[in-house]
C-alpha atoms as a PDB file:
ATOM      1  CA  MET A   1       1.885  42.505 -20.841  1.00  0.00           C
ATOM      2  CA  THR A   2      -1.546  42.889 -21.050  1.00  0.00           C
ATOM      3  CA  PHE A   3      -4.315  41.507 -18.801  1.00  0.00           C
ATOM      4  CA  ALA A   4      -5.730  39.395 -21.774  1.00  0.00           C
ATOM      5  CA  ILE A   5      -2.494  37.664 -22.820  1.00  0.00           C
ATOM      6  CA  ARG A   6      -1.962  37.089 -18.840  1.00  0.00           C
ATOM      7  CA  ALA A   7      -5.165  35.638 -18.481  1.00  0.00           C
ATOM      8  CA  LEU A   8      -4.402  32.984 -21.950  1.00  0.00           C
ATOM      9  CA  ILE A   9      -1.272  31.731 -20.369  1.00  0.00           C
ATOM     10  CA  MET A  10      -2.696  30.962 -16.831  1.00  0.00           C
ATOM     11  CA  GLY A  11      -6.279  29.629 -18.620  1.00  0.00           C
ATOM     12  CA  VAL A  12      -3.313  27.226 -20.629  1.00  0.00           C
ATOM     13  CA  TRP A  13      -1.399  26.239 -17.293  1.00  0.00           C
ATOM     14  CA  LEU A  14      -4.668  25.362 -15.747  1.00  0.00           C
ATOM     15  CA  ILE A  15      -5.258  22.727 -18.566  1.00  0.00           C
ATOM     16  CA  VAL A  16      -2.398  21.223 -18.310  1.00  0.00           C
ATOM     17  CA  MET A  17      -1.679  20.886 -14.766  1.00  0.00           C
ATOM     18  CA  VAL A  18      -5.415  19.387 -15.026  1.00  0.00           C
ATOM     19  CA  LEU A  19      -4.437  16.712 -17.709  1.00  0.00           C
ATOM     20  CA  LEU A  20      -0.975  16.543 -16.153  1.00  0.00           C
ATOM     21  CA  THR A  21      -2.636  15.485 -12.937  1.00  0.00           C
ATOM     22  CA  GLY A  22      -4.916  13.058 -14.595  1.00  0.00           C
ATOM     23  CA  GLU A  23      -2.701  11.208 -16.568  1.00  0.00           C
ATOM     24  CA  GLY A  24      -0.440  10.446 -13.315  1.00  0.00           C
ATOM     25  CA  GLY A  25      -3.319   9.287 -11.756  1.00  0.00           C
ATOM     26  CA  LEU A  26      -4.729   6.880 -14.723  1.00  0.00           C
ATOM     27  CA  ASP A  27      -0.748   5.882 -14.376  1.00  0.00           C
ATOM     28  CA  GLU A  28      -0.786   4.802 -11.073  1.00  0.00           C
ATOM     29  CA  GLY A  29      -4.487   3.157 -11.146  1.00  0.00           C
ATOM     30  CA  THR A  30      -3.420   0.621 -14.317  1.00  0.00           C
ATOM     31  CA  GLU A  31      -0.697  -0.209 -12.696  1.00  0.00           C
ATOM     32  CA  PHE A  32      -2.347  -0.996  -9.613  1.00  0.00           C
ATOM     33  CA  PRO A  33      -3.253  -4.767 -10.691  1.00  0.00           C
ATOM     34  CA  PHE A  34       0.004  -5.799 -11.621  1.00  0.00           C
ATOM     35  CA  VAL A  35       2.097  -4.683  -8.801  1.00  0.00           C
ATOM     36  CA  MET A  36      -0.979  -6.626  -6.935  1.00  0.00           C
ATOM     37  CA  LEU A  37       0.332  -9.419  -9.759  1.00  0.00           C
ATOM     38  CA  GLY A  38       4.160  -9.528  -8.744  1.00  0.00           C
ATOM     39  CA  LEU A  39       3.427  -9.368  -5.308  1.00  0.00           C
ATOM     40  CA  GLY A  40       1.412 -12.454  -5.513  1.00  0.00           C
ATOM     41  CA  LEU A  41       3.675 -14.315  -7.965  1.00  0.00           C
ATOM     42  CA  LEU A  42       6.282 -13.842  -4.992  1.00  0.00           C
ATOM     43  CA  GLY A  43       4.039 -15.588  -2.244  1.00  0.00           C
ATOM     44  CA  LEU A  44       3.419 -11.901  -0.385  1.00  0.00           C
ATOM     45  CA  TYR A  45      -0.233 -11.761  -1.414  1.00  0.00           C
ATOM     46  CA  ASP A  46      -3.644 -14.286  -2.135  1.00  0.00           C
ATOM     47  CA  LEU A  47      -4.141 -14.636  -5.291  1.00  0.00           C
ATOM     48  CA  GLY A  48      -6.636 -17.071  -4.934  1.00  0.00           C
ATOM     49  CA  THR A  49      -7.163 -20.255  -6.381  1.00  0.00           C
ATOM     50  CA  ARG A  50      -5.659 -19.823 -10.110  1.00  0.00           C
ATOM     51  CA  GLY A  51      -5.263 -16.061  -9.782  1.00  0.00           C
ATOM     52  CA  TRP A  52      -9.211 -15.650  -9.784  1.00  0.00           C
ATOM     53  CA  ARG A  53      -9.275 -13.831  -6.877  1.00  0.00           C
ATOM     54  CA  TRP A  54      -6.818 -11.374  -8.490  1.00  0.00           C
ATOM     55  CA  LEU A  55      -8.632 -10.745 -11.542  1.00  0.00           C
ATOM     56  CA  ALA A  56     -11.953 -10.567  -9.785  1.00  0.00           C
ATOM     57  CA  VAL A  57     -10.710  -7.795  -6.878  1.00  0.00           C
ATOM     58  CA  ASP A  58      -7.802  -6.846  -8.196  1.00  0.00           C
ATOM     59  CA  VAL A  59      -8.692  -6.437 -11.374  1.00  0.00           C
ATOM     60  CA  VAL A  60     -12.800  -6.226 -12.196  1.00  0.00           C
ATOM     61  CA  TRP A  61     -13.264  -4.899  -8.582  1.00  0.00           C
ATOM     62  CA  ALA A  62     -11.087  -1.974  -8.469  1.00  0.00           C
ATOM     63  CA  THR A  63     -11.112  -0.790 -12.088  1.00  0.00           C
ATOM     64  CA  ALA A  64     -14.626  -0.650 -12.242  1.00  0.00           C
ATOM     65  CA  GLY A  65     -14.713   1.165  -8.526  1.00  0.00           C
ATOM     66  CA  GLY A  66     -12.519   3.470  -9.517  1.00  0.00           C
ATOM     67  CA  LEU A  67     -13.736   4.348 -13.212  1.00  0.00           C
ATOM     68  CA  LEU A  68     -17.011   4.880 -10.541  1.00  0.00           C
ATOM     69  CA  ASN A  69     -15.877   7.072  -8.506  1.00  0.00           C
ATOM     70  CA  GLY A  70     -13.507   9.003 -10.946  1.00  0.00           C
ATOM     71  CA  GLY A  71     -16.505   9.753 -12.825  1.00  0.00           C
ATOM     72  CA  ALA A  72     -18.741  11.169  -9.990  1.00  0.00           C
ATOM     73  CA  LEU A  73     -16.089  13.125  -8.317  1.00  0.00           C
ATOM     74  CA  GLY A  74     -15.511  14.610 -11.918  1.00  0.00           C
ATOM     75  CA  ALA A  75     -18.955  15.058 -12.116  1.00  0.00           C
ATOM     76  CA  LEU A  76     -19.307  16.614  -8.887  1.00  0.00           C
ATOM     77  CA  ILE A  77     -15.928  19.011  -8.659  1.00  0.00           C
ATOM     78  CA  GLY A  78     -16.950  19.855 -12.735  1.00  0.00           C
ATOM     79  CA  ARG A  79     -20.202  21.536 -11.650  1.00  0.00           C
ATOM     80  CA  LEU A  80     -19.126  22.941  -8.888  1.00  0.00           C
ATOM     81  CA  VAL A  81     -16.274  24.610 -10.245  1.00  0.00           C
ATOM     82  CA  VAL A  82     -17.673  25.912 -13.868  1.00  0.00           C
END
């Protein structure tokens, strides 16, 4: 197998690994608010009055924070690697 073919295979493999890692992180991030909602409905977590604390903290704040942190770290690591 030539060097060019090996490099191509390794490049494709690296792209697949990065995409799978990103997809796994996205799954975990979208599940979090609903796990907290379930715990709140069971009485194991404070949802606040009519669920407003859950909506404000676990959905809006956590989603915005995750997007900002992920975007900033992704841009930083992208600049360092590329």
